Amino acid sequence: MRALWQGSAYWPAWLAFTAGTFLLREIWALTTGHPGDTLSEWVWHILKIARNEPVTAWSAVDYLVFGAWATLVTWLTWHFFFRRFT
């Protein structure tokens, strides 16, 4: 029998908790008229991204954050659905 910490219940519980807390905050911010409290607004503020800003105007930090995000999404997609990079 696998222990709880070995993944049988831990990962689904962690994913549900993380998605739930994220969605609760996002939905609350959007439905109460506080769109400035969303994750996207926070990222835009921290990275100082202007509306319709061209990619050529990005800073080094913008490229690093984008690269980290693209790498994570690509790796997780291939890892979860194609069983690669294990």
C-alpha atoms as a PDB file:
ATOM      1  CA  MET A   1       0.000   0.000   0.000  1.00  0.00           C
ATOM      2  CA  ARG A   2       1.370   3.390  -0.988  1.00  0.00           C
ATOM      3  CA  ALA A   3       1.661   6.056   1.631  1.00  0.00           C
ATOM      4  CA  LEU A   4      -0.142   9.359   1.223  1.00  0.00           C
ATOM      5  CA  TRP A   5       3.124  11.228   0.645  1.00  0.00           C
ATOM      6  CA  GLN A   6       4.030   8.922  -2.269  1.00  0.00           C
ATOM      7  CA  GLY A   7       1.596  10.618  -4.594  1.00  0.00           C
ATOM      8  CA  SER A   8      -1.605   8.591  -4.569  1.00  0.00           C
ATOM      9  CA  ALA A   9      -3.563  11.358  -2.838  1.00  0.00           C
ATOM     10  CA  TYR A  10      -0.994  14.110  -2.344  1.00  0.00           C
ATOM     11  CA  TRP A  11      -0.754  15.398  -5.927  1.00  0.00           C
ATOM     12  CA  PRO A  12      -4.498  15.504  -6.644  1.00  0.00           C
ATOM     13  CA  ALA A  13      -5.037  17.269  -3.309  1.00  0.00           C
ATOM     14  CA  TRP A  14      -2.218  19.726  -4.002  1.00  0.00           C
ATOM     15  CA  LEU A  15      -3.501  20.454  -7.517  1.00  0.00           C
ATOM     16  CA  ALA A  16      -7.072  20.941  -6.268  1.00  0.00           C
ATOM     17  CA  PHE A  17      -5.929  23.261  -3.459  1.00  0.00           C
ATOM     18  CA  THR A  18      -3.657  25.299  -5.738  1.00  0.00           C
ATOM     19  CA  ALA A  19      -6.214  25.604  -8.539  1.00  0.00           C
ATOM     20  CA  GLY A  20      -8.956  26.377  -6.028  1.00  0.00           C
ATOM     21  CA  THR A  21      -7.099  29.167  -4.272  1.00  0.00           C
ATOM     22  CA  PHE A  22      -5.990  30.634  -7.602  1.00  0.00           C
ATOM     23  CA  LEU A  23      -9.467  30.533  -9.123  1.00  0.00           C
ATOM     24  CA  LEU A  24     -11.174  31.864  -5.994  1.00  0.00           C
ATOM     25  CA  ARG A  25      -8.907  34.916  -5.956  1.00  0.00           C
ATOM     26  CA  GLU A  26      -9.194  35.531  -9.710  1.00  0.00           C
ATOM     27  CA  ILE A  27     -12.983  35.146  -9.776  1.00  0.00           C
ATOM     28  CA  TRP A  28     -13.366  37.346  -6.698  1.00  0.00           C
ATOM     29  CA  ALA A  29     -11.195  40.069  -8.238  1.00  0.00           C
ATOM     30  CA  LEU A  30     -13.075  40.024 -11.528  1.00  0.00           C
ATOM     31  CA  THR A  31     -16.600  39.832 -10.103  1.00  0.00           C
ATOM     32  CA  THR A  32     -16.162  42.517  -7.443  1.00  0.00           C
ATOM     33  CA  GLY A  33     -14.726  45.109  -9.784  1.00  0.00           C
ATOM     34  CA  HIS A  34     -11.099  44.741  -8.674  1.00  0.00           C
ATOM     35  CA  PRO A  35      -9.364  43.653 -11.899  1.00  0.00           C
ATOM     36  CA  GLY A  36      -6.118  45.101 -10.531  1.00  0.00           C
ATOM     37  CA  ASP A  37      -5.962  42.183  -8.072  1.00  0.00           C
ATOM     38  CA  THR A  38      -5.529  39.493 -10.747  1.00  0.00           C
ATOM     39  CA  LEU A  39      -2.347  37.551 -11.418  1.00  0.00           C
ATOM     40  CA  SER A  40      -2.043  38.994 -14.905  1.00  0.00           C
ATOM     41  CA  GLU A  41      -2.321  42.563 -13.615  1.00  0.00           C
ATOM     42  CA  TRP A  42       0.349  41.826 -10.992  1.00  0.00           C
ATOM     43  CA  VAL A  43       2.707  40.401 -13.646  1.00  0.00           C
ATOM     44  CA  TRP A  44       2.114  43.392 -15.937  1.00  0.00           C
ATOM     45  CA  HIS A  45       2.820  45.765 -13.047  1.00  0.00           C
ATOM     46  CA  ILE A  46       5.982  43.977 -11.863  1.00  0.00           C
ATOM     47  CA  LEU A  47       7.401  43.643 -15.384  1.00  0.00           C
ATOM     48  CA  LYS A  48       6.162  47.136 -16.364  1.00  0.00           C
ATOM     49  CA  ILE A  49       4.476  45.799 -19.505  1.00  0.00           C
ATOM     50  CA  ALA A  50       2.423  48.381 -21.367  1.00  0.00           C
ATOM     51  CA  ARG A  51      -0.644  47.561 -23.427  1.00  0.00           C
ATOM     52  CA  ASN A  52       0.292  46.607 -27.005  1.00  0.00           C
ATOM     53  CA  GLU A  53       3.994  46.797 -26.169  1.00  0.00           C
ATOM     54  CA  PRO A  54       6.067  45.274 -28.980  1.00  0.00           C
ATOM     55  CA  VAL A  55       8.326  42.342 -28.156  1.00  0.00           C
ATOM     56  CA  THR A  56      11.279  44.435 -29.307  1.00  0.00           C
ATOM     57  CA  ALA A  57      10.691  46.752 -26.330  1.00  0.00           C
ATOM     58  CA  TRP A  58      10.968  43.961 -23.764  1.00  0.00           C
ATOM     59  CA  SER A  59      13.676  44.068 -21.117  1.00  0.00           C
ATOM     60  CA  ALA A  60      16.019  41.204 -20.253  1.00  0.00           C
ATOM     61  CA  VAL A  61      13.785  40.295 -17.288  1.00  0.00           C
ATOM     62  CA  ASP A  62      10.768  40.096 -19.611  1.00  0.00           C
ATOM     63  CA  TYR A  63      12.619  37.649 -21.850  1.00  0.00           C
ATOM     64  CA  LEU A  64      13.801  35.584 -18.876  1.00  0.00           C
ATOM     65  CA  VAL A  65      10.299  35.321 -17.375  1.00  0.00           C
ATOM     66  CA  PHE A  66       8.794  34.474 -20.767  1.00  0.00           C
ATOM     67  CA  GLY A  67      11.497  31.893 -21.412  1.00  0.00           C
ATOM     68  CA  ALA A  68      10.958  30.265 -18.004  1.00  0.00           C
ATOM     69  CA  TRP A  69       7.190  30.170 -18.567  1.00  0.00           C
ATOM     70  CA  ALA A  70       7.531  28.741 -22.105  1.00  0.00           C
ATOM     71  CA  THR A  71      10.037  26.130 -20.924  1.00  0.00           C
ATOM     72  CA  LEU A  72       7.842  25.033 -18.036  1.00  0.00           C
ATOM     73  CA  VAL A  73       4.688  24.776 -20.145  1.00  0.00           C
ATOM     74  CA  THR A  74       6.480  22.927 -22.953  1.00  0.00           C
ATOM     75  CA  TRP A  75       8.260  20.541 -20.600  1.00  0.00           C
ATOM     76  CA  LEU A  76       5.119  19.743 -18.592  1.00  0.00           C
ATOM     77  CA  THR A  77       3.089  19.134 -21.749  1.00  0.00           C
ATOM     78  CA  TRP A  78       5.626  16.696 -23.173  1.00  0.00           C
ATOM     79  CA  HIS A  79       6.234  15.110 -19.758  1.00  0.00           C
ATOM     80  CA  PHE A  80       2.570  14.573 -18.816  1.00  0.00           C
ATOM     81  CA  PHE A  81       1.054  13.672 -22.179  1.00  0.00           C
ATOM     82  CA  PHE A  82       3.920  12.049 -24.082  1.00  0.00           C
ATOM     83  CA  ARG A  83       5.947  10.596 -21.156  1.00  0.00           C
ATOM     84  CA  ARG A  84       9.128  12.297 -22.318  1.00  0.00           C
ATOM     85  CA  PHE A  85      11.868  13.983 -20.292  1.00  0.00           C
ATOM     86  CA  THR A  86      11.468  11.638 -17.342  1.00  0.00           C
END
